Amino acid sequence: MPTTRYTVSGTTADGQKFRPSDWTERLVCFQPAQLKRYNGHLKISKIDGIKSIVFDEQLEYACSFTYERILSFAKTNHLIVTEEIINK
């Protein structure tokens, strides 16, 4: 069944590196209670040297607050968001 994977890059639409450098950790609280809710649907990655948040559409059901918060943050800060269809 196909699912959508989103990547929020630490690069702005005008090509600038987003600051502060720990924005991913600040945005996504990795507390033990949250980790259970994320259940493998979200991870922080470095892609081509740029910090990014990668998550799939199932995060919306696992933790809708985090899902909406990430997308809202990306939009407000003009971060690049890509979508990819993954066949599982």
C-alpha atoms as a PDB file:
ATOM      1  CA  MET A   1       0.000   0.000   0.000  1.00  0.00           C
ATOM      2  CA  PRO A   2       1.530   3.351  -0.997  1.00  0.00           C
ATOM      3  CA  THR A   3       2.201   5.997   1.626  1.00  0.00           C
ATOM      4  CA  THR A   4       3.542   9.535   1.429  1.00  0.00           C
ATOM      5  CA  ARG A   5       6.881  10.384   3.007  1.00  0.00           C
ATOM      6  CA  TYR A   6       7.637  14.039   3.723  1.00  0.00           C
ATOM      7  CA  THR A   7      11.064  15.595   4.133  1.00  0.00           C
ATOM      8  CA  VAL A   8      11.402  19.030   5.712  1.00  0.00           C
ATOM      9  CA  SER A   9      14.847  20.322   4.830  1.00  0.00           C
ATOM     10  CA  GLY A  10      16.821  22.814   6.895  1.00  0.00           C
ATOM     11  CA  THR A  11      17.125  24.922   3.759  1.00  0.00           C
ATOM     12  CA  THR A  12      14.859  27.878   3.071  1.00  0.00           C
ATOM     13  CA  ALA A  13      13.155  28.532  -0.255  1.00  0.00           C
ATOM     14  CA  ASP A  14      15.823  31.150  -1.044  1.00  0.00           C
ATOM     15  CA  GLY A  15      18.633  28.600  -0.484  1.00  0.00           C
ATOM     16  CA  GLN A  16      19.776  29.705   2.965  1.00  0.00           C
ATOM     17  CA  LYS A  17      20.692  27.245   5.715  1.00  0.00           C
ATOM     18  CA  PHE A  18      18.086  27.492   8.485  1.00  0.00           C
ATOM     19  CA  ARG A  19      19.251  28.493  11.961  1.00  0.00           C
ATOM     20  CA  PRO A  20      19.542  27.630  14.785  1.00  0.00           C
ATOM     21  CA  SER A  21      21.416  24.440  14.008  1.00  0.00           C
ATOM     22  CA  ASP A  22      19.374  22.441  16.555  1.00  0.00           C
ATOM     23  CA  TRP A  23      16.007  23.412  15.062  1.00  0.00           C
ATOM     24  CA  THR A  24      15.064  19.773  14.480  1.00  0.00           C
ATOM     25  CA  GLU A  25      15.580  18.791  18.119  1.00  0.00           C
ATOM     26  CA  ARG A  26      13.718  21.872  19.343  1.00  0.00           C
ATOM     27  CA  LEU A  27      10.768  21.211  17.057  1.00  0.00           C
ATOM     28  CA  VAL A  28      10.517  17.481  17.705  1.00  0.00           C
ATOM     29  CA  CYS A  29      10.659  16.638  21.404  1.00  0.00           C
ATOM     30  CA  PHE A  30      12.160  13.187  21.697  1.00  0.00           C
ATOM     31  CA  GLN A  31      10.765  12.413  25.137  1.00  0.00           C
ATOM     32  CA  PRO A  32      10.035   8.741  25.880  1.00  0.00           C
ATOM     33  CA  ALA A  33       6.261   9.337  25.756  1.00  0.00           C
ATOM     34  CA  GLN A  34       6.528  10.977  22.327  1.00  0.00           C
ATOM     35  CA  LEU A  35       8.743   8.234  20.930  1.00  0.00           C
ATOM     36  CA  LYS A  36       5.990   5.687  21.516  1.00  0.00           C
ATOM     37  CA  ARG A  37       3.511   7.884  19.640  1.00  0.00           C
ATOM     38  CA  TYR A  38       5.889   8.504  16.724  1.00  0.00           C
ATOM     39  CA  ASN A  39       6.335   4.732  16.452  1.00  0.00           C
ATOM     40  CA  GLY A  40       8.878   4.856  13.634  1.00  0.00           C
ATOM     41  CA  HIS A  41       6.930   7.400  11.583  1.00  0.00           C
ATOM     42  CA  LEU A  42       9.397  10.235  12.212  1.00  0.00           C
ATOM     43  CA  LYS A  43      13.164  10.663  12.309  1.00  0.00           C
ATOM     44  CA  ILE A  44      15.750  13.405  12.252  1.00  0.00           C
ATOM     45  CA  SER A  45      18.285  12.935   9.462  1.00  0.00           C
ATOM     46  CA  LYS A  46      21.180  14.699   7.805  1.00  0.00           C
ATOM     47  CA  ILE A  47      20.663  14.745   4.062  1.00  0.00           C
ATOM     48  CA  ASP A  48      23.579  16.090   2.031  1.00  0.00           C
ATOM     49  CA  GLY A  49      24.872  17.707   5.235  1.00  0.00           C
ATOM     50  CA  ILE A  50      21.577  19.499   5.957  1.00  0.00           C
ATOM     51  CA  LYS A  51      19.508  18.633   9.031  1.00  0.00           C
ATOM     52  CA  SER A  52      16.057  17.446   8.050  1.00  0.00           C
ATOM     53  CA  ILE A  53      12.941  15.892   9.514  1.00  0.00           C
ATOM     54  CA  VAL A  54      11.572  12.874   7.661  1.00  0.00           C
ATOM     55  CA  PHE A  55       8.120  11.541   8.456  1.00  0.00           C
ATOM     56  CA  ASP A  56       5.316   9.639   6.823  1.00  0.00           C
ATOM     57  CA  GLU A  57       1.619  10.397   6.631  1.00  0.00           C
ATOM     58  CA  GLN A  58       0.892   7.905   9.411  1.00  0.00           C
ATOM     59  CA  LEU A  59       2.364  10.414  11.871  1.00  0.00           C
ATOM     60  CA  GLU A  60      -0.870  12.383  11.477  1.00  0.00           C
ATOM     61  CA  TYR A  61      -2.753   9.476  13.081  1.00  0.00           C
ATOM     62  CA  ALA A  62      -0.056   8.613  15.620  1.00  0.00           C
ATOM     63  CA  CYS A  63       0.460  12.200  16.835  1.00  0.00           C
ATOM     64  CA  SER A  64      -1.582  14.805  14.944  1.00  0.00           C
ATOM     65  CA  PHE A  65      -0.190  17.677  17.034  1.00  0.00           C
ATOM     66  CA  THR A  66       3.385  16.924  15.944  1.00  0.00           C
ATOM     67  CA  TYR A  67       2.335  16.378  12.327  1.00  0.00           C
ATOM     68  CA  GLU A  68       0.577  19.749  12.134  1.00  0.00           C
ATOM     69  CA  ARG A  69       3.311  21.515  14.099  1.00  0.00           C
ATOM     70  CA  ILE A  70       6.053  20.382  11.715  1.00  0.00           C
ATOM     71  CA  LEU A  71       4.136  21.375   8.571  1.00  0.00           C
ATOM     72  CA  SER A  72       3.104  24.726  10.062  1.00  0.00           C
ATOM     73  CA  PHE A  73       6.676  25.462  11.159  1.00  0.00           C
ATOM     74  CA  ALA A  74       7.996  24.613   7.699  1.00  0.00           C
ATOM     75  CA  LYS A  75       5.462  26.906   6.021  1.00  0.00           C
ATOM     76  CA  THR A  76       6.043  29.813   8.424  1.00  0.00           C
ATOM     77  CA  ASN A  77       9.822  29.590   8.015  1.00  0.00           C
ATOM     78  CA  HIS A  78       9.775  28.957   4.244  1.00  0.00           C
ATOM     79  CA  LEU A  79      11.545  25.603   4.564  1.00  0.00           C
ATOM     80  CA  ILE A  80      11.645  23.239   1.619  1.00  0.00           C
ATOM     81  CA  VAL A  81       9.198  20.354   1.981  1.00  0.00           C
ATOM     82  CA  THR A  82       9.284  17.446  -0.440  1.00  0.00           C
ATOM     83  CA  GLU A  83       6.799  14.606  -0.794  1.00  0.00           C
ATOM     84  CA  GLU A  84       7.581  11.131  -2.039  1.00  0.00           C
ATOM     85  CA  ILE A  85       5.209   8.224  -2.638  1.00  0.00           C
ATOM     86  CA  ILE A  86       6.596   5.047  -1.122  1.00  0.00           C
ATOM     87  CA  ASN A  87       5.237   1.595  -1.960  1.00  0.00           C
ATOM     88  CA  LYS A  88       5.349  -0.525   1.173  1.00  0.00           C
END
